Amino acid sequence: MAKEIYEVLKRPILTEKSLTQKDKENKYSFEVAPNANKAEIRQAVEKLFKVNVTKITTVSMKGKLHRVGRFEGKRPDWKKAVVTLKDGQKIEVSDAA
């Protein structure tokens, strides 16, 4: 593998929508490196969590504009991957805040 696992997978995304997808559709969301492709994401998830990936969907997310008083800025762009696992397999992600 050209990149290390933690260079490809940055963090799990734990939002209300992603937690619902985890329970109902066996889909898990991760923030990934902007230059990571689907093959690298598949290898990283399978190696790190020891599961079988059936499908990967990636989305390039644009950073939002934000403002503090009169100062404006922009959050960085990032990439999200939604990984579907084989039926009966799970990844343990902590959803406790």
PDB file of N, CA and C in Angstrom:
ATOM      1  N   MET A   1       0.846  -1.168   0.000  1.00  0.00           N
ATOM      2  CA  MET A   1       0.000   0.000   0.000  1.00  0.00           C
ATOM      3  C   MET A   1       0.895   1.237   0.000  1.00  0.00           C
ATOM      4  N   ALA A   2       0.596   2.174  -0.878  1.00  0.00           N
ATOM      5  CA  ALA A   2       1.440   3.345  -1.052  1.00  0.00           C
ATOM      6  C   ALA A   2       1.380   4.282   0.158  1.00  0.00           C
ATOM      7  N   LYS A   3       0.213   4.405   0.765  1.00  0.00           N
ATOM      8  CA  LYS A   3       0.053   5.313   1.900  1.00  0.00           C
ATOM      9  C   LYS A   3      -0.242   4.518   3.163  1.00  0.00           C
ATOM     10  N   GLU A   4       0.072   5.122   4.288  1.00  0.00           N
ATOM     11  CA  GLU A   4      -0.252   4.504   5.562  1.00  0.00           C
ATOM     12  C   GLU A   4      -1.754   4.605   5.813  1.00  0.00           C
ATOM     13  N   ILE A   5      -2.274   3.720   6.660  1.00  0.00           N
ATOM     14  CA  ILE A   5      -3.716   3.677   6.946  1.00  0.00           C
ATOM     15  C   ILE A   5      -4.206   5.012   7.489  1.00  0.00           C
ATOM     16  N   TYR A   6      -3.468   5.582   8.427  1.00  0.00           N
ATOM     17  CA  TYR A   6      -3.926   6.809   9.073  1.00  0.00           C
ATOM     18  C   TYR A   6      -3.682   8.054   8.222  1.00  0.00           C
ATOM     19  N   GLU A   7      -2.955   7.913   7.108  1.00  0.00           N
ATOM     20  CA  GLU A   7      -2.864   9.007   6.139  1.00  0.00           C
ATOM     21  C   GLU A   7      -4.107   9.015   5.262  1.00  0.00           C
ATOM     22  N   VAL A   8      -4.695   7.848   5.024  1.00  0.00           N
ATOM     23  CA  VAL A   8      -5.894   7.731   4.190  1.00  0.00           C
ATOM     24  C   VAL A   8      -7.134   8.031   5.023  1.00  0.00           C
ATOM     25  N   LEU A   9      -7.320   7.316   6.134  1.00  0.00           N
ATOM     26  CA  LEU A   9      -8.480   7.519   7.011  1.00  0.00           C
ATOM     27  C   LEU A   9      -8.105   8.507   8.101  1.00  0.00           C
ATOM     28  N   LYS A  10      -8.795   9.650   8.134  1.00  0.00           N
ATOM     29  CA  LYS A  10      -8.473  10.649   9.148  1.00  0.00           C
ATOM     30  C   LYS A  10      -9.296  10.469  10.415  1.00  0.00           C
ATOM     31  N   ARG A  11     -10.635  10.326  10.266  1.00  0.00           N
ATOM     32  CA  ARG A  11     -11.489  10.168  11.439  1.00  0.00           C
ATOM     33  C   ARG A  11     -12.858   9.678  10.995  1.00  0.00           C
ATOM     34  N   PRO A  12     -13.590   9.011  11.889  1.00  0.00           N
ATOM     35  CA  PRO A  12     -14.974   8.662  11.564  1.00  0.00           C
ATOM     36  C   PRO A  12     -15.861   9.903  11.702  1.00  0.00           C
ATOM     37  N   ILE A  13     -16.912   9.952  10.922  1.00  0.00           N
ATOM     38  CA  ILE A  13     -17.867  11.048  11.004  1.00  0.00           C
ATOM     39  C   ILE A  13     -19.054  10.561  11.820  1.00  0.00           C
ATOM     40  N   LEU A  14     -19.295  11.209  12.951  1.00  0.00           N
ATOM     41  CA  LEU A  14     -20.339  10.776  13.872  1.00  0.00           C
ATOM     42  C   LEU A  14     -21.421  11.839  13.953  1.00  0.00           C
ATOM     43  N   THR A  15     -22.269  11.877  12.929  1.00  0.00           N
ATOM     44  CA  THR A  15     -23.405  12.784  12.920  1.00  0.00           C
ATOM     45  C   THR A  15     -24.674  11.958  13.080  1.00  0.00           C
ATOM     46  N   GLU A  16     -25.790  12.632  13.262  1.00  0.00           N
ATOM     47  CA  GLU A  16     -27.054  11.923  13.416  1.00  0.00           C
ATOM     48  C   GLU A  16     -27.357  11.088  12.171  1.00  0.00           C
ATOM     49  N   LYS A  17     -27.101  11.647  11.001  1.00  0.00           N
ATOM     50  CA  LYS A  17     -27.354  10.929   9.756  1.00  0.00           C
ATOM     51  C   LYS A  17     -26.436   9.710   9.615  1.00  0.00           C
ATOM     52  N   SER A  18     -25.153   9.871   9.925  1.00  0.00           N
ATOM     53  CA  SER A  18     -24.229   8.749   9.764  1.00  0.00           C
ATOM     54  C   SER A  18     -24.518   7.635  10.770  1.00  0.00           C
ATOM     55  N   LEU A  19     -24.952   7.983  11.969  1.00  0.00           N
ATOM     56  CA  LEU A  19     -25.287   6.954  12.956  1.00  0.00           C
ATOM     57  C   LEU A  19     -26.551   6.199  12.558  1.00  0.00           C
ATOM     58  N   THR A  20     -27.502   6.884  11.910  1.00  0.00           N
ATOM     59  CA  THR A  20     -28.707   6.210  11.403  1.00  0.00           C
ATOM     60  C   THR A  20     -28.342   5.259  10.275  1.00  0.00           C
ATOM     61  N   GLN A  21     -27.457   5.691   9.370  1.00  0.00           N
ATOM     62  CA  GLN A  21     -27.011   4.828   8.272  1.00  0.00           C
ATOM     63  C   GLN A  21     -26.263   3.609   8.800  1.00  0.00           C
ATOM     64  N   LYS A  22     -25.518   3.798   9.868  1.00  0.00           N
ATOM     65  CA  LYS A  22     -24.768   2.684  10.465  1.00  0.00           C
ATOM     66  C   LYS A  22     -25.720   1.601  10.942  1.00  0.00           C
ATOM     67  N   ASP A  23     -26.807   2.004  11.591  1.00  0.00           N
ATOM     68  CA  ASP A  23     -27.735   1.033  12.147  1.00  0.00           C
ATOM     69  C   ASP A  23     -28.634   0.395  11.086  1.00  0.00           C
ATOM     70  N   LYS A  24     -29.143   1.182  10.155  1.00  0.00           N
ATOM     71  CA  LYS A  24     -30.137   0.678   9.207  1.00  0.00           C
ATOM     72  C   LYS A  24     -29.534   0.077   7.944  1.00  0.00           C
ATOM     73  N   GLU A  25     -28.463   0.683   7.409  1.00  0.00           N
ATOM     74  CA  GLU A  25     -27.959   0.283   6.096  1.00  0.00           C
ATOM     75  C   GLU A  25     -26.558  -0.308   6.134  1.00  0.00           C
ATOM     76  N   ASN A  26     -25.948  -0.411   7.305  1.00  0.00           N
ATOM     77  CA  ASN A  26     -24.594  -0.947   7.457  1.00  0.00           C
ATOM     78  C   ASN A  26     -23.576  -0.100   6.690  1.00  0.00           C
ATOM     79  N   LYS A  27     -23.762   1.249   6.742  1.00  0.00           N
ATOM     80  CA  LYS A  27     -22.854   2.182   6.089  1.00  0.00           C
ATOM     81  C   LYS A  27     -22.138   3.011   7.143  1.00  0.00           C
ATOM     82  N   TYR A  28     -20.846   3.239   6.937  1.00  0.00           N
ATOM     83  CA  TYR A  28     -20.020   3.992   7.869  1.00  0.00           C
ATOM     84  C   TYR A  28     -19.358   5.137   7.118  1.00  0.00           C
ATOM     85  N   SER A  29     -19.310   6.325   7.733  1.00  0.00           N
ATOM     86  CA  SER A  29     -18.746   7.510   7.094  1.00  0.00           C
ATOM     87  C   SER A  29     -17.406   7.859   7.729  1.00  0.00           C
ATOM     88  N   PHE A  30     -16.453   8.239   6.875  1.00  0.00           N
ATOM     89  CA  PHE A  30     -15.116   8.620   7.322  1.00  0.00           C
ATOM     90  C   PHE A  30     -14.673   9.878   6.603  1.00  0.00           C
ATOM     91  N   GLU A  31     -13.898  10.707   7.295  1.00  0.00           N
ATOM     92  CA  GLU A  31     -13.170  11.769   6.618  1.00  0.00           C
ATOM     93  C   GLU A  31     -11.879  11.145   6.122  1.00  0.00           C
ATOM     94  N   VAL A  32     -11.574  11.358   4.851  1.00  0.00           N
ATOM     95  CA  VAL A  32     -10.394  10.746   4.246  1.00  0.00           C
ATOM     96  C   VAL A  32      -9.508  11.826   3.636  1.00  0.00           C
ATOM     97  N   ALA A  33      -8.304  11.437   3.257  1.00  0.00           N
ATOM     98  CA  ALA A  33      -7.380  12.364   2.609  1.00  0.00           C
ATOM     99  C   ALA A  33      -7.968  12.818   1.273  1.00  0.00           C
ATOM    100  N   PRO A  34      -7.815  14.090   0.930  1.00  0.00           N
ATOM    101  CA  PRO A  34      -8.403  14.601  -0.313  1.00  0.00           C
ATOM    102  C   PRO A  34      -7.890  13.906  -1.568  1.00  0.00           C
ATOM    103  N   ASN A  35      -6.690  13.364  -1.526  1.00  0.00           N
ATOM    104  CA  ASN A  35      -6.139  12.706  -2.710  1.00  0.00           C
ATOM    105  C   ASN A  35      -6.261  11.177  -2.655  1.00  0.00           C
ATOM    106  N   ALA A  36      -7.000  10.643  -1.680  1.00  0.00           N
ATOM    107  CA  ALA A  36      -7.174   9.189  -1.555  1.00  0.00           C
ATOM    108  C   ALA A  36      -8.200   8.702  -2.575  1.00  0.00           C
ATOM    109  N   ASN A  37      -7.913   7.560  -3.194  1.00  0.00           N
ATOM    110  CA  ASN A  37      -8.884   6.990  -4.129  1.00  0.00           C
ATOM    111  C   ASN A  37      -9.619   5.830  -3.461  1.00  0.00           C
ATOM    112  N   LYS A  38     -10.605   5.268  -4.172  1.00  0.00           N
ATOM    113  CA  LYS A  38     -11.454   4.240  -3.574  1.00  0.00           C
ATOM    114  C   LYS A  38     -10.678   2.972  -3.245  1.00  0.00           C
ATOM    115  N   ALA A  39      -9.700   2.615  -4.050  1.00  0.00           N
ATOM    116  CA  ALA A  39      -8.900   1.413  -3.775  1.00  0.00           C
ATOM    117  C   ALA A  39      -8.104   1.571  -2.482  1.00  0.00           C
ATOM    118  N   GLU A  40      -7.519   2.742  -2.267  1.00  0.00           N
ATOM    119  CA  GLU A  40      -6.760   2.992  -1.036  1.00  0.00           C
ATOM    120  C   GLU A  40      -7.680   3.011   0.182  1.00  0.00           C
ATOM    121  N   ILE A  41      -8.869   3.590   0.033  1.00  0.00           N
ATOM    122  CA  ILE A  41      -9.824   3.625   1.141  1.00  0.00           C
ATOM    123  C   ILE A  41     -10.271   2.213   1.490  1.00  0.00           C
ATOM    124  N   ARG A  42     -10.572   1.395   0.476  1.00  0.00           N
ATOM    125  CA  ARG A  42     -10.974   0.001   0.701  1.00  0.00           C
ATOM    126  C   ARG A  42      -9.886  -0.773   1.443  1.00  0.00           C
ATOM    127  N   GLN A  43      -8.641  -0.660   0.997  1.00  0.00           N
ATOM    128  CA  GLN A  43      -7.538  -1.371   1.645  1.00  0.00           C
ATOM    129  C   GLN A  43      -7.366  -0.925   3.092  1.00  0.00           C
ATOM    130  N   ALA A  44      -7.467   0.384   3.335  1.00  0.00           N
ATOM    131  CA  ALA A  44      -7.273   0.900   4.697  1.00  0.00           C
ATOM    132  C   ALA A  44      -8.363   0.409   5.637  1.00  0.00           C
ATOM    133  N   VAL A  45      -9.628   0.454   5.202  1.00  0.00           N
ATOM    134  CA  VAL A  45     -10.739   0.015   6.058  1.00  0.00           C
ATOM    135  C   VAL A  45     -10.653  -1.487   6.312  1.00  0.00           C
ATOM    136  N   GLU A  46     -10.394  -2.263   5.270  1.00  0.00           N
ATOM    137  CA  GLU A  46     -10.325  -3.716   5.436  1.00  0.00           C
ATOM    138  C   GLU A  46      -9.160  -4.128   6.329  1.00  0.00           C
ATOM    139  N   LYS A  47      -8.018  -3.452   6.198  1.00  0.00           N
ATOM    140  CA  LYS A  47      -6.853  -3.806   7.005  1.00  0.00           C
ATOM    141  C   LYS A  47      -7.008  -3.362   8.460  1.00  0.00           C
ATOM    142  N   LEU A  48      -7.557  -2.153   8.670  1.00  0.00           N
ATOM    143  CA  LEU A  48      -7.674  -1.613  10.021  1.00  0.00           C
ATOM    144  C   LEU A  48      -8.754  -2.306  10.838  1.00  0.00           C
ATOM    145  N   PHE A  49      -9.928  -2.547  10.232  1.00  0.00           N
ATOM    146  CA  PHE A  49     -11.065  -3.085  10.979  1.00  0.00           C
ATOM    147  C   PHE A  49     -11.331  -4.569  10.727  1.00  0.00           C
ATOM    148  N   LYS A  50     -10.602  -5.174   9.779  1.00  0.00           N
ATOM    149  CA  LYS A  50     -10.746  -6.601   9.448  1.00  0.00           C
ATOM    150  C   LYS A  50     -12.193  -6.938   9.064  1.00  0.00           C
ATOM    151  N   VAL A  51     -12.720  -6.196   8.082  1.00  0.00           N
ATOM    152  CA  VAL A  51     -14.067  -6.399   7.552  1.00  0.00           C
ATOM    153  C   VAL A  51     -13.980  -6.451   6.025  1.00  0.00           C
ATOM    154  N   ASN A  52     -15.090  -6.826   5.377  1.00  0.00           N
ATOM    155  CA  ASN A  52     -15.158  -6.849   3.917  1.00  0.00           C
ATOM    156  C   ASN A  52     -16.011  -5.680   3.438  1.00  0.00           C
ATOM    157  N   VAL A  53     -15.460  -4.861   2.555  1.00  0.00           N
ATOM    158  CA  VAL A  53     -16.150  -3.697   2.023  1.00  0.00           C
ATOM    159  C   VAL A  53     -16.824  -4.095   0.717  1.00  0.00           C
ATOM    160  N   THR A  54     -18.119  -3.759   0.571  1.00  0.00           N
ATOM    161  CA  THR A  54     -18.826  -4.074  -0.668  1.00  0.00           C
ATOM    162  C   THR A  54     -18.963  -2.864  -1.584  1.00  0.00           C
ATOM    163  N   LYS A  55     -19.016  -1.647  -1.021  1.00  0.00           N
ATOM    164  CA  LYS A  55     -19.211  -0.452  -1.843  1.00  0.00           C
ATOM    165  C   LYS A  55     -18.625   0.759  -1.141  1.00  0.00           C
ATOM    166  N   ILE A  56     -18.089   1.684  -1.938  1.00  0.00           N
ATOM    167  CA  ILE A  56     -17.556   2.942  -1.408  1.00  0.00           C
ATOM    168  C   ILE A  56     -18.092   4.090  -2.262  1.00  0.00           C
ATOM    169  N   THR A  57     -18.591   5.114  -1.593  1.00  0.00           N
ATOM    170  CA  THR A  57     -19.029   6.334  -2.258  1.00  0.00           C
ATOM    171  C   THR A  57     -18.211   7.482  -1.678  1.00  0.00           C
ATOM    172  N   THR A  58     -17.642   8.316  -2.540  1.00  0.00           N
ATOM    173  CA  THR A  58     -16.846   9.449  -2.060  1.00  0.00           C
ATOM    174  C   THR A  58     -17.485  10.763  -2.490  1.00  0.00           C
ATOM    175  N   VAL A  59     -17.315  11.777  -1.647  1.00  0.00           N
ATOM    176  CA  VAL A  59     -17.847  13.108  -1.914  1.00  0.00           C
ATOM    177  C   VAL A  59     -16.790  14.126  -1.505  1.00  0.00           C
ATOM    178  N   SER A  60     -16.498  15.086  -2.394  1.00  0.00           N
ATOM    179  CA  SER A  60     -15.614  16.196  -2.038  1.00  0.00           C
ATOM    180  C   SER A  60     -16.471  17.309  -1.456  1.00  0.00           C
ATOM    181  N   MET A  61     -16.252  17.626  -0.199  1.00  0.00           N
ATOM    182  CA  MET A  61     -17.052  18.614   0.515  1.00  0.00           C
ATOM    183  C   MET A  61     -16.332  19.969   0.466  1.00  0.00           C
ATOM    184  N   LYS A  62     -17.074  21.002   0.148  1.00  0.00           N
ATOM    185  CA  LYS A  62     -16.516  22.349   0.126  1.00  0.00           C
ATOM    186  C   LYS A  62     -16.535  22.924   1.541  1.00  0.00           C
ATOM    187  N   GLY A  63     -15.475  23.619   1.924  1.00  0.00           N
ATOM    188  CA  GLY A  63     -15.419  24.247   3.230  1.00  0.00           C
ATOM    189  C   GLY A  63     -16.397  25.404   3.314  1.00  0.00           C
ATOM    190  N   LYS A  64     -17.008  25.582   4.470  1.00  0.00           N
ATOM    191  CA  LYS A  64     -18.010  26.629   4.655  1.00  0.00           C
ATOM    192  C   LYS A  64     -17.338  27.969   4.957  1.00  0.00           C
ATOM    193  N   LEU A  65     -18.018  29.033   4.571  1.00  0.00           N
ATOM    194  CA  LEU A  65     -17.582  30.363   4.962  1.00  0.00           C
ATOM    195  C   LEU A  65     -18.036  30.604   6.398  1.00  0.00           C
ATOM    196  N   HIS A  66     -17.200  31.214   7.187  1.00  0.00           N
ATOM    197  CA  HIS A  66     -17.594  31.541   8.558  1.00  0.00           C
ATOM    198  C   HIS A  66     -17.099  32.935   8.890  1.00  0.00           C
ATOM    199  N   ARG A  67     -17.668  33.492   9.929  1.00  0.00           N
ATOM    200  CA  ARG A  67     -17.417  34.882  10.231  1.00  0.00           C
ATOM    201  C   ARG A  67     -17.394  35.082  11.742  1.00  0.00           C
ATOM    202  N   VAL A  68     -16.437  35.875  12.203  1.00  0.00           N
ATOM    203  CA  VAL A  68     -16.365  36.273  13.599  1.00  0.00           C
ATOM    204  C   VAL A  68     -16.261  37.789  13.599  1.00  0.00           C
ATOM    205  N   GLY A  69     -17.364  38.447  13.973  1.00  0.00           N
ATOM    206  CA  GLY A  69     -17.382  39.910  13.919  1.00  0.00           C
ATOM    207  C   GLY A  69     -17.241  40.381  12.487  1.00  0.00           C
ATOM    208  N   ARG A  70     -16.246  41.196  12.225  1.00  0.00           N
ATOM    209  CA  ARG A  70     -16.051  41.697  10.866  1.00  0.00           C
ATOM    210  C   ARG A  70     -15.045  40.867  10.072  1.00  0.00           C
ATOM    211  N   PHE A  71     -14.513  39.830  10.671  1.00  0.00           N
ATOM    212  CA  PHE A  71     -13.508  39.004  10.010  1.00  0.00           C
ATOM    213  C   PHE A  71     -14.167  37.789   9.372  1.00  0.00           C
ATOM    214  N   GLU A  72     -13.863  37.577   8.116  1.00  0.00           N
ATOM    215  CA  GLU A  72     -14.403  36.432   7.402  1.00  0.00           C
ATOM    216  C   GLU A  72     -13.285  35.449   7.110  1.00  0.00           C
ATOM    217  N   GLY A  73     -13.655  34.186   7.035  1.00  0.00           N
ATOM    218  CA  GLY A  73     -12.692  33.156   6.708  1.00  0.00           C
ATOM    219  C   GLY A  73     -13.395  31.986   6.050  1.00  0.00           C
ATOM    220  N   LYS A  74     -12.630  30.964   5.722  1.00  0.00           N
ATOM    221  CA  LYS A  74     -13.194  29.794   5.069  1.00  0.00           C
ATOM    222  C   LYS A  74     -12.588  28.552   5.697  1.00  0.00           C
ATOM    223  N   ARG A  75     -13.444  27.610   6.029  1.00  0.00           N
ATOM    224  CA  ARG A  75     -12.949  26.337   6.539  1.00  0.00           C
ATOM    225  C   ARG A  75     -12.369  25.547   5.369  1.00  0.00           C
ATOM    226  N   PRO A  76     -11.443  24.650   5.633  1.00  0.00           N
ATOM    227  CA  PRO A  76     -10.807  23.935   4.520  1.00  0.00           C
ATOM    228  C   PRO A  76     -11.754  22.949   3.841  1.00  0.00           C
ATOM    229  N   ASP A  77     -11.502  22.683   2.550  1.00  0.00           N
ATOM    230  CA  ASP A  77     -12.231  21.651   1.826  1.00  0.00           C
ATOM    231  C   ASP A  77     -11.783  20.293   2.356  1.00  0.00           C
ATOM    232  N   TRP A  78     -12.677  19.289   2.276  1.00  0.00           N
ATOM    233  CA  TRP A  78     -12.345  17.955   2.766  1.00  0.00           C
ATOM    234  C   TRP A  78     -13.089  16.903   1.968  1.00  0.00           C
ATOM    235  N   LYS A  79     -12.738  15.652   2.159  1.00  0.00           N
ATOM    236  CA  LYS A  79     -13.340  14.563   1.402  1.00  0.00           C
ATOM    237  C   LYS A  79     -13.963  13.557   2.358  1.00  0.00           C
ATOM    238  N   LYS A  80     -15.169  13.097   2.007  1.00  0.00           N
ATOM    239  CA  LYS A  80     -15.901  12.137   2.823  1.00  0.00           C
ATOM    240  C   LYS A  80     -16.069  10.846   2.040  1.00  0.00           C
ATOM    241  N   ALA A  81     -15.948   9.721   2.722  1.00  0.00           N
ATOM    242  CA  ALA A  81     -16.183   8.413   2.112  1.00  0.00           C
ATOM    243  C   ALA A  81     -17.247   7.684   2.919  1.00  0.00           C
ATOM    244  N   VAL A  82     -18.251   7.151   2.232  1.00  0.00           N
ATOM    245  CA  VAL A  82     -19.286   6.334   2.855  1.00  0.00           C
ATOM    246  C   VAL A  82     -19.016   4.898   2.439  1.00  0.00           C
ATOM    247  N   VAL A  83     -18.719   4.047   3.415  1.00  0.00           N
ATOM    248  CA  VAL A  83     -18.297   2.674   3.173  1.00  0.00           C
ATOM    249  C   VAL A  83     -19.425   1.722   3.568  1.00  0.00           C
ATOM    250  N   THR A  84     -19.831   0.849   2.644  1.00  0.00           N
ATOM    251  CA  THR A  84     -20.842  -0.167   2.925  1.00  0.00           C
ATOM    252  C   THR A  84     -20.127  -1.485   3.181  1.00  0.00           C
ATOM    253  N   LEU A  85     -20.497  -2.153   4.286  1.00  0.00           N
ATOM    254  CA  LEU A  85     -19.872  -3.416   4.648  1.00  0.00           C
ATOM    255  C   LEU A  85     -20.743  -4.596   4.242  1.00  0.00           C
ATOM    256  N   LYS A  86     -20.118  -5.762   4.194  1.00  0.00           N
ATOM    257  CA  LYS A  86     -20.833  -7.002   3.930  1.00  0.00           C
ATOM    258  C   LYS A  86     -21.840  -7.248   5.055  1.00  0.00           C
ATOM    259  N   ASP A  87     -22.980  -7.852   4.724  1.00  0.00           N
ATOM    260  CA  ASP A  87     -24.016  -8.118   5.724  1.00  0.00           C
ATOM    261  C   ASP A  87     -23.461  -8.918   6.894  1.00  0.00           C
ATOM    262  N   GLY A  88     -23.844  -8.523   8.100  1.00  0.00           N
ATOM    263  CA  GLY A  88     -23.430  -9.230   9.308  1.00  0.00           C
ATOM    264  C   GLY A  88     -22.136  -8.721   9.910  1.00  0.00           C
ATOM    265  N   GLN A  89     -21.450  -7.799   9.245  1.00  0.00           N
ATOM    266  CA  GLN A  89     -20.187  -7.279   9.777  1.00  0.00           C
ATOM    267  C   GLN A  89     -20.417  -5.886  10.345  1.00  0.00           C
ATOM    268  N   LYS A  90     -19.604  -5.527  11.341  1.00  0.00           N
ATOM    269  CA  LYS A  90     -19.741  -4.244  12.021  1.00  0.00           C
ATOM    270  C   LYS A  90     -18.380  -3.641  12.291  1.00  0.00           C
ATOM    271  N   ILE A  91     -18.382  -2.322  12.475  1.00  0.00           N
ATOM    272  CA  ILE A  91     -17.212  -1.606  12.950  1.00  0.00           C
ATOM    273  C   ILE A  91     -17.622  -0.950  14.264  1.00  0.00           C
ATOM    274  N   GLU A  92     -16.810  -1.103  15.276  1.00  0.00           N
ATOM    275  CA  GLU A  92     -17.100  -0.478  16.565  1.00  0.00           C
ATOM    276  C   GLU A  92     -16.596   0.954  16.548  1.00  0.00           C
ATOM    277  N   VAL A  93     -17.527   1.916  16.462  1.00  0.00           N
ATOM    278  CA  VAL A  93     -17.199   3.320  16.575  1.00  0.00           C
ATOM    279  C   VAL A  93     -17.907   3.880  17.779  1.00  0.00           C
ATOM    280  N   SER A  94     -17.216   4.675  18.541  1.00  0.00           N
ATOM    281  CA  SER A  94     -17.796   5.230  19.757  1.00  0.00           C
ATOM    282  C   SER A  94     -18.676   6.416  19.392  1.00  0.00           C
ATOM    283  N   ASP A  95     -19.978   6.309  19.692  1.00  0.00           N
ATOM    284  CA  ASP A  95     -20.892   7.401  19.414  1.00  0.00           C
ATOM    285  C   ASP A  95     -21.239   8.177  20.682  1.00  0.00           C
ATOM    286  N   ALA A  96     -20.501   7.944  21.755  1.00  0.00           N
ATOM    287  CA  ALA A  96     -20.693   8.703  22.994  1.00  0.00           C
ATOM    288  C   ALA A  96     -19.904   9.997  22.901  1.00  0.00           C
ATOM    289  N   ALA A  97     -20.538  11.083  23.251  1.00  0.00           N
ATOM    290  CA  ALA A  97     -19.859  12.383  23.133  1.00  0.00           C
ATOM    291  C   ALA A  97     -19.059  12.707  24.366  1.00  0.00           C
TER     292      ALA A  97
END
